[in-house]
Amino acid sequence: MKSMIWNIDYFCNLRCKSCNAWQGKIFFPEELIDKHIADMKKNGIKVVSVTGGEPTLNKSIESIIKKLKENHFLTHIATNGTNPYVLKKIAPYLDGMTISLDSNIPEEHDEYRGLKIFDTVVKTIRENKNKVKILTANALVTNFNYFKIKDMVEHANDELGVPLSMCFPDQSSYYFQDFEVSNKMIREAFSYAYENYNKHMFGNTRSYYKEAVDYVDGNPVTPCRAGQTTYYTDYRGKVHPCFTHMEVVLNNKPKWELYNNNCNDCFTQCFREPSIENPFEDARLLSKIWWFNHVKNRGIKSDGGARSPSAVS
């Protein structure tokens, strides 16, 4: 199933230590929105993940998500969770939502994100887990959280009622001016997720965690299919295979070029996980996340309290 990562702005309200989007203020051209949606449809895209920067800061976000749903795409947003009013408005048109949460310790999370937002993000997660089909908290592996994946996934599972997904800290996708993430750190984080996959509820496939470890160890991994089944649209309207190969533009013509991908330069989750062809594993994970969000943890209220036993029986 072909998917698109659609970057609708280069702008953010936070100052995360691994990102420089706060330095820009560029939005996807309004006059290209309808054309791009039509082009994605013509080129067989089925799943669209809207991202940024922070996508909820684009004034056209509600229109974009609504038009995607009207055109029968499966819709997803990756957000920092600090704009609950906007998320409430677009939730009816979303199938999935990923909200960033990089630590279970408020002060640690806020220091990394550059603003005191932990309580807002946690509340946003709780409020939205029953409004979309699939919701996960998402952690970028960093030098301050790589050794506490157990604590973070337990917090996401037990306190928030959602799975924890994990992003590989690839140097081509993030900016690490202020800290360094070593291969040893990456290996420890993803090894824990792989080895303890059945003890917790994670938001990625187990195969992805295994291949992340293999990639760090220099072992063979599934070839990347970015530009074949997964694509990236930048905030100016150009379609690329991925974040790494921005020099390649695929939408110079209405029928996009097929990128002959033989690259192994990165392990960016957005493109690597979809490259692992296992429809049964993917379907099983989505079903488990839905059940975890809507059935197993329906007793967790948006304010963090628990409903009475009669309410969850």
C-alpha atoms as a PDB file:
ATOM      1  CA  MET A   1       0.000   0.000   0.000  1.00  0.00           C
ATOM      2  CA  LYS A   2       1.633   3.245  -1.132  1.00  0.00           C
ATOM      3  CA  SER A   3       2.049   5.952   1.477  1.00  0.00           C
ATOM      4  CA  MET A   4       3.064   9.607   1.540  1.00  0.00           C
ATOM      5  CA  ILE A   5       4.817  11.667   4.202  1.00  0.00           C
ATOM      6  CA  TRP A   6       3.459  15.168   3.464  1.00  0.00           C
ATOM      7  CA  ASN A   7       5.345  18.046   5.069  1.00  0.00           C
ATOM      8  CA  ILE A   8       2.894  20.961   5.136  1.00  0.00           C
ATOM      9  CA  ASP A   9       5.120  23.494   6.890  1.00  0.00           C
ATOM     10  CA  TYR A  10       8.615  24.368   7.996  1.00  0.00           C
ATOM     11  CA  PHE A  11       7.584  26.053  11.230  1.00  0.00           C
ATOM     12  CA  CYS A  12       7.251  25.035  14.866  1.00  0.00           C
ATOM     13  CA  ASN A  13       6.351  26.469  18.262  1.00  0.00           C
ATOM     14  CA  LEU A  14       8.990  24.405  20.102  1.00  0.00           C
ATOM     15  CA  ARG A  15      12.780  24.412  20.105  1.00  0.00           C
ATOM     16  CA  CYS A  16      13.671  20.744  20.301  1.00  0.00           C
ATOM     17  CA  LYS A  17      17.356  19.915  20.538  1.00  0.00           C
ATOM     18  CA  SER A  18      17.202  17.638  17.475  1.00  0.00           C
ATOM     19  CA  CYS A  19      15.316  19.958  15.115  1.00  0.00           C
ATOM     20  CA  ASN A  20      15.634  23.401  13.575  1.00  0.00           C
ATOM     21  CA  ALA A  21      12.085  23.829  12.225  1.00  0.00           C
ATOM     22  CA  TRP A  22      11.515  26.703  14.649  1.00  0.00           C
ATOM     23  CA  GLN A  23      13.928  28.751  12.560  1.00  0.00           C
ATOM     24  CA  GLY A  24      11.629  28.778   9.537  1.00  0.00           C
ATOM     25  CA  LYS A  25       8.188  30.064   8.671  1.00  0.00           C
ATOM     26  CA  ILE A  26       7.294  28.446   5.360  1.00  0.00           C
ATOM     27  CA  PHE A  27       3.935  26.837   4.597  1.00  0.00           C
ATOM     28  CA  PHE A  28       2.857  24.501   1.819  1.00  0.00           C
ATOM     29  CA  PRO A  29       1.476  26.705  -0.996  1.00  0.00           C
ATOM     30  CA  GLU A  30      -2.309  26.915  -0.694  1.00  0.00           C
ATOM     31  CA  GLU A  31      -2.690  27.025  -4.469  1.00  0.00           C
ATOM     32  CA  LEU A  32      -1.009  23.590  -4.751  1.00  0.00           C
ATOM     33  CA  ILE A  33      -3.090  21.739  -2.154  1.00  0.00           C
ATOM     34  CA  ASP A  34      -5.893  20.524  -4.435  1.00  0.00           C
ATOM     35  CA  LYS A  35      -3.464  19.633  -7.218  1.00  0.00           C
ATOM     36  CA  HIS A  36      -1.224  17.658  -4.884  1.00  0.00           C
ATOM     37  CA  ILE A  37      -4.147  15.699  -3.461  1.00  0.00           C
ATOM     38  CA  ALA A  38      -5.304  14.896  -7.010  1.00  0.00           C
ATOM     39  CA  ASP A  39      -1.760  13.900  -8.016  1.00  0.00           C
ATOM     40  CA  MET A  40      -1.393  11.579  -5.027  1.00  0.00           C
ATOM     41  CA  LYS A  41      -4.647   9.900  -5.976  1.00  0.00           C
ATOM     42  CA  LYS A  42      -3.549   9.487  -9.618  1.00  0.00           C
ATOM     43  CA  ASN A  43      -0.241   7.962  -8.494  1.00  0.00           C
ATOM     44  CA  GLY A  44      -1.801   5.348  -6.253  1.00  0.00           C
ATOM     45  CA  ILE A  45      -1.145   6.808  -2.803  1.00  0.00           C
ATOM     46  CA  LYS A  46      -3.490   5.275  -0.209  1.00  0.00           C
ATOM     47  CA  VAL A  47      -2.105   6.510   3.132  1.00  0.00           C
ATOM     48  CA  VAL A  48      -1.134  10.129   3.838  1.00  0.00           C
ATOM     49  CA  SER A  49       0.761  11.146   6.973  1.00  0.00           C
ATOM     50  CA  VAL A  50       0.710  14.915   7.481  1.00  0.00           C
ATOM     51  CA  THR A  51       3.744  16.325   9.243  1.00  0.00           C
ATOM     52  CA  GLY A  52       5.939  19.426   9.582  1.00  0.00           C
ATOM     53  CA  GLY A  53       7.481  21.283  11.442  1.00  0.00           C
ATOM     54  CA  GLU A  54       4.337  21.274  13.506  1.00  0.00           C
ATOM     55  CA  PRO A  55       1.464  20.678  11.051  1.00  0.00           C
ATOM     56  CA  THR A  56      -1.261  22.094  13.316  1.00  0.00           C
ATOM     57  CA  LEU A  57       0.306  25.544  12.876  1.00  0.00           C
ATOM     58  CA  ASN A  58      -0.629  25.583   9.195  1.00  0.00           C
ATOM     59  CA  LYS A  59      -3.894  27.538   8.897  1.00  0.00           C
ATOM     60  CA  SER A  60      -4.997  25.185   6.093  1.00  0.00           C
ATOM     61  CA  ILE A  61      -4.664  22.028   8.201  1.00  0.00           C
ATOM     62  CA  GLU A  62      -8.392  21.494   8.712  1.00  0.00           C
ATOM     63  CA  SER A  63      -9.084  21.920   5.008  1.00  0.00           C
ATOM     64  CA  ILE A  64      -6.193  19.601   4.061  1.00  0.00           C
ATOM     65  CA  ILE A  65      -7.235  16.765   6.376  1.00  0.00           C
ATOM     66  CA  LYS A  66     -10.902  17.090   5.413  1.00  0.00           C
ATOM     67  CA  LYS A  67     -10.084  16.996   1.684  1.00  0.00           C
ATOM     68  CA  LEU A  68      -7.861  13.957   2.159  1.00  0.00           C
ATOM     69  CA  LYS A  69     -10.668  12.099   3.892  1.00  0.00           C
ATOM     70  CA  GLU A  70     -13.198  13.185   1.242  1.00  0.00           C
ATOM     71  CA  ASN A  71     -10.847  11.681  -1.341  1.00  0.00           C
ATOM     72  CA  HIS A  72     -10.804   8.376   0.590  1.00  0.00           C
ATOM     73  CA  PHE A  73      -7.209   8.437   1.810  1.00  0.00           C
ATOM     74  CA  LEU A  74      -6.274   6.861   5.127  1.00  0.00           C
ATOM     75  CA  THR A  75      -5.193   9.899   7.140  1.00  0.00           C
ATOM     76  CA  HIS A  76      -2.581  10.312   9.859  1.00  0.00           C
ATOM     77  CA  ILE A  77      -0.923  13.242  11.607  1.00  0.00           C
ATOM     78  CA  ALA A  78       2.413  13.425  13.425  1.00  0.00           C
ATOM     79  CA  THR A  79       2.210  16.243  15.982  1.00  0.00           C
ATOM     80  CA  ASN A  80       3.853  17.582  19.132  1.00  0.00           C
ATOM     81  CA  GLY A  81       0.451  17.657  20.845  1.00  0.00           C
ATOM     82  CA  THR A  82       0.571  21.289  21.954  1.00  0.00           C
ATOM     83  CA  ASN A  83      -2.384  22.445  19.858  1.00  0.00           C
ATOM     84  CA  PRO A  84      -5.357  20.526  21.328  1.00  0.00           C
ATOM     85  CA  TYR A  85      -7.968  22.922  19.938  1.00  0.00           C
ATOM     86  CA  VAL A  86      -6.867  22.260  16.338  1.00  0.00           C
ATOM     87  CA  LEU A  87      -6.556  18.507  16.918  1.00  0.00           C
ATOM     88  CA  LYS A  88     -10.099  18.438  18.277  1.00  0.00           C
ATOM     89  CA  LYS A  89     -11.365  20.023  15.053  1.00  0.00           C
ATOM     90  CA  ILE A  90      -9.549  17.627  12.713  1.00  0.00           C
ATOM     91  CA  ALA A  91      -9.939  14.400  14.730  1.00  0.00           C
ATOM     92  CA  PRO A  92     -13.194  13.426  12.939  1.00  0.00           C
ATOM     93  CA  TYR A  93     -11.236  13.236   9.662  1.00  0.00           C
ATOM     94  CA  LEU A  94      -8.230  11.351  11.028  1.00  0.00           C
ATOM     95  CA  ASP A  95      -7.610   7.613  11.140  1.00  0.00           C
ATOM     96  CA  GLY A  96      -4.369   7.829  13.076  1.00  0.00           C
ATOM     97  CA  MET A  97      -2.378  10.184  15.259  1.00  0.00           C
ATOM     98  CA  THR A  98       1.165  10.099  16.621  1.00  0.00           C
ATOM     99  CA  ILE A  99       2.027  12.469  19.467  1.00  0.00           C
ATOM    100  CA  SER A 100       5.637  13.073  20.485  1.00  0.00           C
ATOM    101  CA  LEU A 101       6.605  12.189  24.053  1.00  0.00           C
ATOM    102  CA  ASP A 102      10.334  11.831  24.596  1.00  0.00           C
ATOM    103  CA  SER A 103      10.424  11.116  28.324  1.00  0.00           C
ATOM    104  CA  ASN A 104       8.117  10.041  31.126  1.00  0.00           C
ATOM    105  CA  ILE A 105       9.817  12.641  33.351  1.00  0.00           C
ATOM    106  CA  PRO A 106       8.173  16.065  32.844  1.00  0.00           C
ATOM    107  CA  GLU A 107      11.287  18.175  33.451  1.00  0.00           C
ATOM    108  CA  GLU A 108      13.389  16.023  31.138  1.00  0.00           C
ATOM    109  CA  HIS A 109      10.821  16.088  28.343  1.00  0.00           C
ATOM    110  CA  ASP A 110      10.367  19.861  28.660  1.00  0.00           C
ATOM    111  CA  GLU A 111      14.104  20.584  28.676  1.00  0.00           C
ATOM    112  CA  TYR A 112      14.514  18.642  25.432  1.00  0.00           C
ATOM    113  CA  ARG A 113      11.453  20.278  23.826  1.00  0.00           C
ATOM    114  CA  GLY A 114      12.426  23.795  24.914  1.00  0.00           C
ATOM    115  CA  LEU A 115       9.087  24.665  26.533  1.00  0.00           C
ATOM    116  CA  LYS A 116       7.048  23.575  29.539  1.00  0.00           C
ATOM    117  CA  ILE A 117       4.526  21.410  27.685  1.00  0.00           C
ATOM    118  CA  PHE A 118       4.528  17.947  29.286  1.00  0.00           C
ATOM    119  CA  ASP A 119       1.153  18.307  31.004  1.00  0.00           C
ATOM    120  CA  THR A 120      -0.473  19.638  27.833  1.00  0.00           C
ATOM    121  CA  VAL A 121       0.911  16.793  25.733  1.00  0.00           C
ATOM    122  CA  VAL A 122      -0.175  14.122  28.196  1.00  0.00           C
ATOM    123  CA  LYS A 123      -3.669  15.588  28.353  1.00  0.00           C
ATOM    124  CA  THR A 124      -3.824  15.728  24.557  1.00  0.00           C
ATOM    125  CA  ILE A 125      -2.874  12.041  24.328  1.00  0.00           C
ATOM    126  CA  ARG A 126      -5.553  11.036  26.808  1.00  0.00           C
ATOM    127  CA  GLU A 127      -8.213  13.146  25.135  1.00  0.00           C
ATOM    128  CA  ASN A 128      -7.564  11.842  21.625  1.00  0.00           C
ATOM    129  CA  LYS A 129      -6.988   8.117  22.081  1.00  0.00           C
ATOM    130  CA  ASN A 130     -10.691   7.414  21.684  1.00  0.00           C
ATOM    131  CA  LYS A 131     -11.254   9.967  18.912  1.00  0.00           C
ATOM    132  CA  VAL A 132      -9.110   8.293  16.254  1.00  0.00           C
ATOM    133  CA  LYS A 133      -8.739   4.642  15.330  1.00  0.00           C
ATOM    134  CA  ILE A 134      -5.006   4.449  16.065  1.00  0.00           C
ATOM    135  CA  LEU A 135      -2.965   6.615  18.463  1.00  0.00           C
ATOM    136  CA  THR A 136       0.547   6.150  19.798  1.00  0.00           C
ATOM    137  CA  ALA A 137       2.938   8.199  21.872  1.00  0.00           C
ATOM    138  CA  ASN A 138       6.155   8.535  19.915  1.00  0.00           C
ATOM    139  CA  ALA A 139       9.700   8.815  21.297  1.00  0.00           C
ATOM    140  CA  LEU A 140      12.805   9.796  19.409  1.00  0.00           C
ATOM    141  CA  VAL A 141      15.677   7.790  20.889  1.00  0.00           C
ATOM    142  CA  THR A 142      18.135  10.253  22.440  1.00  0.00           C
ATOM    143  CA  ASN A 143      21.120  10.248  24.768  1.00  0.00           C
ATOM    144  CA  PHE A 144      18.867  10.926  27.768  1.00  0.00           C
ATOM    145  CA  ASN A 145      16.183   8.276  27.175  1.00  0.00           C
ATOM    146  CA  TYR A 146      17.897   5.338  25.441  1.00  0.00           C
ATOM    147  CA  PHE A 147      18.404   3.473  28.732  1.00  0.00           C
ATOM    148  CA  LYS A 148      14.873   3.986  30.088  1.00  0.00           C
ATOM    149  CA  ILE A 149      12.656   2.536  27.351  1.00  0.00           C
ATOM    150  CA  LYS A 150      11.104   0.250  29.977  1.00  0.00           C
ATOM    151  CA  ASP A 151      10.006   3.216  32.107  1.00  0.00           C
ATOM    152  CA  MET A 152       8.728   5.124  29.096  1.00  0.00           C
ATOM    153  CA  VAL A 153       6.677   2.304  27.619  1.00  0.00           C
ATOM    154  CA  GLU A 154       5.200   1.476  31.020  1.00  0.00           C
ATOM    155  CA  HIS A 155       4.201   5.115  31.452  1.00  0.00           C
ATOM    156  CA  ALA A 156       2.599   5.212  27.990  1.00  0.00           C
ATOM    157  CA  ASN A 157       0.826   1.887  28.485  1.00  0.00           C
ATOM    158  CA  ASP A 158      -0.274   2.130  32.111  1.00  0.00           C
ATOM    159  CA  GLU A 159      -0.767   5.850  32.673  1.00  0.00           C
ATOM    160  CA  LEU A 160      -1.895   7.036  29.247  1.00  0.00           C
ATOM    161  CA  GLY A 161      -3.419   3.894  27.766  1.00  0.00           C
ATOM    162  CA  VAL A 162      -1.492   4.053  24.486  1.00  0.00           C
ATOM    163  CA  PRO A 163       1.402   2.166  22.863  1.00  0.00           C
ATOM    164  CA  LEU A 164       4.877   3.662  22.604  1.00  0.00           C
ATOM    165  CA  SER A 165       6.423   3.888  19.145  1.00  0.00           C
ATOM    166  CA  MET A 166      10.103   4.682  18.615  1.00  0.00           C
ATOM    167  CA  CYS A 167      11.994   6.723  16.028  1.00  0.00           C
ATOM    168  CA  PHE A 168      15.513   5.786  14.987  1.00  0.00           C
ATOM    169  CA  PRO A 169      17.768   8.853  15.505  1.00  0.00           C
ATOM    170  CA  ASP A 170      19.155   9.014  12.015  1.00  0.00           C
ATOM    171  CA  GLN A 171      21.627  11.799  11.359  1.00  0.00           C
ATOM    172  CA  SER A 172      20.078  12.604   7.962  1.00  0.00           C
ATOM    173  CA  SER A 173      16.674  13.348   9.500  1.00  0.00           C
ATOM    174  CA  TYR A 174      17.542  15.108  12.747  1.00  0.00           C
ATOM    175  CA  TYR A 175      19.956  17.780  13.906  1.00  0.00           C
ATOM    176  CA  PHE A 176      22.208  16.849  16.799  1.00  0.00           C
ATOM    177  CA  GLN A 177      24.129  20.023  17.525  1.00  0.00           C
ATOM    178  CA  ASP A 178      23.591  19.804  21.272  1.00  0.00           C
ATOM    179  CA  PHE A 179      24.098  16.095  21.924  1.00  0.00           C
ATOM    180  CA  GLU A 180      25.315  12.886  20.360  1.00  0.00           C
ATOM    181  CA  VAL A 181      23.498   9.576  20.053  1.00  0.00           C
ATOM    182  CA  SER A 182      25.957   6.718  19.666  1.00  0.00           C
ATOM    183  CA  ASN A 183      25.334   3.352  18.027  1.00  0.00           C
ATOM    184  CA  LYS A 184      25.713   1.745  21.450  1.00  0.00           C
ATOM    185  CA  MET A 185      22.847   3.878  22.782  1.00  0.00           C
ATOM    186  CA  ILE A 186      20.664   3.127  19.768  1.00  0.00           C
ATOM    187  CA  ARG A 187      21.356  -0.575  20.095  1.00  0.00           C
ATOM    188  CA  GLU A 188      20.408  -0.629  23.782  1.00  0.00           C
ATOM    189  CA  ALA A 189      17.080   1.103  23.159  1.00  0.00           C
ATOM    190  CA  PHE A 190      15.974  -0.999  20.211  1.00  0.00           C
ATOM    191  CA  SER A 191      17.291  -4.233  21.693  1.00  0.00           C
ATOM    192  CA  TYR A 192      15.090  -3.679  24.743  1.00  0.00           C
ATOM    193  CA  ALA A 193      12.033  -3.144  22.549  1.00  0.00           C
ATOM    194  CA  TYR A 194      12.795  -6.230  20.449  1.00  0.00           C
ATOM    195  CA  GLU A 195      13.576  -8.548  23.361  1.00  0.00           C
ATOM    196  CA  ASN A 196      10.645  -7.384  25.498  1.00  0.00           C
ATOM    197  CA  TYR A 197       8.126  -6.882  22.733  1.00  0.00           C
ATOM    198  CA  ASN A 198       5.489  -9.145  24.265  1.00  0.00           C
ATOM    199  CA  LYS A 199       5.815  -7.664  27.763  1.00  0.00           C
ATOM    200  CA  HIS A 200       4.598  -4.218  26.686  1.00  0.00           C
ATOM    201  CA  MET A 201       2.508  -2.581  23.980  1.00  0.00           C
ATOM    202  CA  PHE A 202       4.769  -0.980  21.391  1.00  0.00           C
ATOM    203  CA  GLY A 203       3.623   0.980  18.366  1.00  0.00           C
ATOM    204  CA  ASN A 204       6.041  -0.455  15.789  1.00  0.00           C
ATOM    205  CA  THR A 205       6.424  -3.945  14.403  1.00  0.00           C
ATOM    206  CA  ARG A 206       8.872  -6.263  16.115  1.00  0.00           C
ATOM    207  CA  SER A 207      10.612  -6.751  12.764  1.00  0.00           C
ATOM    208  CA  TYR A 208      11.411  -3.036  12.657  1.00  0.00           C
ATOM    209  CA  TYR A 209      13.085  -3.183  16.082  1.00  0.00           C
ATOM    210  CA  LYS A 210      15.085  -6.243  15.047  1.00  0.00           C
ATOM    211  CA  GLU A 211      16.241  -4.600  11.822  1.00  0.00           C
ATOM    212  CA  ALA A 212      17.213  -1.420  13.691  1.00  0.00           C
ATOM    213  CA  VAL A 213      19.589  -3.513  15.804  1.00  0.00           C
ATOM    214  CA  ASP A 214      20.879  -5.317  12.715  1.00  0.00           C
ATOM    215  CA  TYR A 215      21.491  -1.999  10.968  1.00  0.00           C
ATOM    216  CA  VAL A 216      23.555  -0.677  13.875  1.00  0.00           C
ATOM    217  CA  ASP A 217      25.481  -3.962  14.010  1.00  0.00           C
ATOM    218  CA  GLY A 218      26.231  -3.819  10.287  1.00  0.00           C
ATOM    219  CA  ASN A 219      24.148  -6.892   9.468  1.00  0.00           C
ATOM    220  CA  PRO A 220      21.990  -7.199   6.310  1.00  0.00           C
ATOM    221  CA  VAL A 221      18.566  -5.525   6.485  1.00  0.00           C
ATOM    222  CA  THR A 222      15.566  -5.305   4.180  1.00  0.00           C
ATOM    223  CA  PRO A 223      16.309  -2.996   1.225  1.00  0.00           C
ATOM    224  CA  CYS A 224      14.739   0.437   1.562  1.00  0.00           C
ATOM    225  CA  ARG A 225      11.792   1.007  -0.803  1.00  0.00           C
ATOM    226  CA  ALA A 226      11.529   4.772  -0.406  1.00  0.00           C
ATOM    227  CA  GLY A 227      10.463   6.195  -3.760  1.00  0.00           C
ATOM    228  CA  GLN A 228       8.667   2.969  -4.642  1.00  0.00           C
ATOM    229  CA  THR A 229       6.040   2.421  -1.965  1.00  0.00           C
ATOM    230  CA  THR A 230       6.735   5.383   0.346  1.00  0.00           C
ATOM    231  CA  TYR A 231       7.292   8.979  -0.697  1.00  0.00           C
ATOM    232  CA  TYR A 232       8.020  12.388   0.811  1.00  0.00           C
ATOM    233  CA  THR A 233       6.481  15.722  -0.234  1.00  0.00           C
ATOM    234  CA  ASP A 234       8.347  18.787   0.999  1.00  0.00           C
ATOM    235  CA  TYR A 235       6.759  22.061   2.075  1.00  0.00           C
ATOM    236  CA  ARG A 236       7.292  23.530  -1.416  1.00  0.00           C
ATOM    237  CA  GLY A 237       5.357  20.794  -3.217  1.00  0.00           C
ATOM    238  CA  LYS A 238       8.193  18.642  -4.560  1.00  0.00           C
ATOM    239  CA  VAL A 239       7.957  14.857  -4.209  1.00  0.00           C
ATOM    240  CA  HIS A 240      11.149  13.042  -3.186  1.00  0.00           C
ATOM    241  CA  PRO A 241      11.926   9.406  -2.370  1.00  0.00           C
ATOM    242  CA  CYS A 242      12.777  10.303   1.240  1.00  0.00           C
ATOM    243  CA  PHE A 243      14.471  12.863   3.506  1.00  0.00           C
ATOM    244  CA  THR A 244      17.956  11.754   2.477  1.00  0.00           C
ATOM    245  CA  HIS A 245      17.623  12.049  -1.296  1.00  0.00           C
ATOM    246  CA  MET A 246      16.189  15.535  -1.593  1.00  0.00           C
ATOM    247  CA  GLU A 247      18.178  16.014  -4.791  1.00  0.00           C
ATOM    248  CA  VAL A 248      15.802  13.578  -6.530  1.00  0.00           C
ATOM    249  CA  VAL A 249      12.455  15.082  -7.605  1.00  0.00           C
ATOM    250  CA  LEU A 250       9.871  12.544  -8.747  1.00  0.00           C
ATOM    251  CA  ASN A 251       6.906  14.755  -9.682  1.00  0.00           C
ATOM    252  CA  ASN A 252       8.301  16.667 -12.638  1.00  0.00           C
ATOM    253  CA  LYS A 253       5.561  14.963 -14.675  1.00  0.00           C
ATOM    254  CA  PRO A 254       1.978  13.972 -13.718  1.00  0.00           C
ATOM    255  CA  LYS A 255       3.060  10.314 -13.636  1.00  0.00           C
ATOM    256  CA  TRP A 256       5.752  10.198 -10.956  1.00  0.00           C
ATOM    257  CA  GLU A 257       9.056   8.555 -11.700  1.00  0.00           C
ATOM    258  CA  LEU A 258       9.825   5.260  -9.990  1.00  0.00           C
ATOM    259  CA  TYR A 259      12.986   5.592  -7.942  1.00  0.00           C
ATOM    260  CA  ASN A 260      15.412   2.698  -8.289  1.00  0.00           C
ATOM    261  CA  ASN A 261      16.357   2.549  -4.637  1.00  0.00           C
ATOM    262  CA  ASN A 262      19.533   0.685  -3.728  1.00  0.00           C
ATOM    263  CA  CYS A 263      20.389   3.018  -0.845  1.00  0.00           C
ATOM    264  CA  ASN A 264      21.434   1.946   2.624  1.00  0.00           C
ATOM    265  CA  ASP A 265      22.581   5.343   3.911  1.00  0.00           C
ATOM    266  CA  CYS A 266      20.091   5.721   6.752  1.00  0.00           C
ATOM    267  CA  PHE A 267      17.480   3.928   8.827  1.00  0.00           C
ATOM    268  CA  THR A 268      14.757   6.584   9.022  1.00  0.00           C
ATOM    269  CA  GLN A 269      11.667   4.925  10.502  1.00  0.00           C
ATOM    270  CA  CYS A 270       9.190   6.647   8.152  1.00  0.00           C
ATOM    271  CA  PHE A 271      10.656   4.757   5.196  1.00  0.00           C
ATOM    272  CA  ARG A 272      12.397   1.743   6.696  1.00  0.00           C
ATOM    273  CA  GLU A 273       9.457   0.259   8.581  1.00  0.00           C
ATOM    274  CA  PRO A 274       7.125   0.310   5.524  1.00  0.00           C
ATOM    275  CA  SER A 275       9.904  -1.320   3.499  1.00  0.00           C
ATOM    276  CA  ILE A 276       9.630  -4.489   5.596  1.00  0.00           C
ATOM    277  CA  GLU A 277       6.963  -6.388   3.685  1.00  0.00           C
ATOM    278  CA  ASN A 278       4.887  -8.361   6.158  1.00  0.00           C
ATOM    279  CA  PRO A 279       1.170  -7.547   5.690  1.00  0.00           C
ATOM    280  CA  PHE A 280       0.124 -10.010   8.394  1.00  0.00           C
ATOM    281  CA  GLU A 281       2.427  -8.428  10.984  1.00  0.00           C
ATOM    282  CA  ASP A 282       1.270  -4.928  10.002  1.00  0.00           C
ATOM    283  CA  ALA A 283      -2.426  -5.841  10.200  1.00  0.00           C
ATOM    284  CA  ARG A 284      -1.938  -7.604  13.524  1.00  0.00           C
ATOM    285  CA  LEU A 285      -0.180  -4.560  14.998  1.00  0.00           C
ATOM    286  CA  LEU A 286      -2.909  -2.141  13.864  1.00  0.00           C
ATOM    287  CA  SER A 287      -5.565  -4.408  15.346  1.00  0.00           C
ATOM    288  CA  LYS A 288      -3.677  -4.626  18.635  1.00  0.00           C
ATOM    289  CA  ILE A 289      -3.257  -0.856  18.843  1.00  0.00           C
ATOM    290  CA  TRP A 290      -6.958  -0.298  18.173  1.00  0.00           C
ATOM    291  CA  TRP A 291      -7.871  -2.815  20.877  1.00  0.00           C
ATOM    292  CA  PHE A 292      -5.358  -1.291  23.288  1.00  0.00           C
ATOM    293  CA  ASN A 293      -6.668   2.261  22.708  1.00  0.00           C
ATOM    294  CA  HIS A 294     -10.378   1.541  22.690  1.00  0.00           C
ATOM    295  CA  VAL A 295     -11.033  -1.621  24.690  1.00  0.00           C
ATOM    296  CA  LYS A 296      -8.267  -2.514  27.121  1.00  0.00           C
ATOM    297  CA  ASN A 297      -7.718   1.051  28.351  1.00  0.00           C
ATOM    298  CA  ARG A 298     -11.126   2.638  28.047  1.00  0.00           C
ATOM    299  CA  GLY A 299     -11.086   2.979  31.850  1.00  0.00           C
ATOM    300  CA  ILE A 300      -8.339   5.616  31.686  1.00  0.00           C
ATOM    301  CA  LYS A 301      -9.978   9.035  31.707  1.00  0.00           C
ATOM    302  CA  SER A 302      -8.602  12.127  29.996  1.00  0.00           C
ATOM    303  CA  ASP A 303      -7.689  13.594  33.392  1.00  0.00           C
ATOM    304  CA  GLY A 304      -5.664  10.508  34.306  1.00  0.00           C
ATOM    305  CA  GLY A 305      -8.147   9.073  36.783  1.00  0.00           C
ATOM    306  CA  ALA A 306      -9.847   5.709  36.506  1.00  0.00           C
ATOM    307  CA  ARG A 307     -13.537   5.093  36.043  1.00  0.00           C
ATOM    308  CA  SER A 308     -15.430   2.955  38.484  1.00  0.00           C
ATOM    309  CA  PRO A 309     -15.349  -0.823  37.865  1.00  0.00           C
ATOM    310  CA  SER A 310     -18.951  -0.789  36.701  1.00  0.00           C
ATOM    311  CA  ALA A 311     -18.073   1.676  33.961  1.00  0.00           C
ATOM    312  CA  VAL A 312     -15.456  -0.589  32.408  1.00  0.00           C
ATOM    313  CA  SER A 313     -17.077  -3.964  32.851  1.00  0.00           C
END
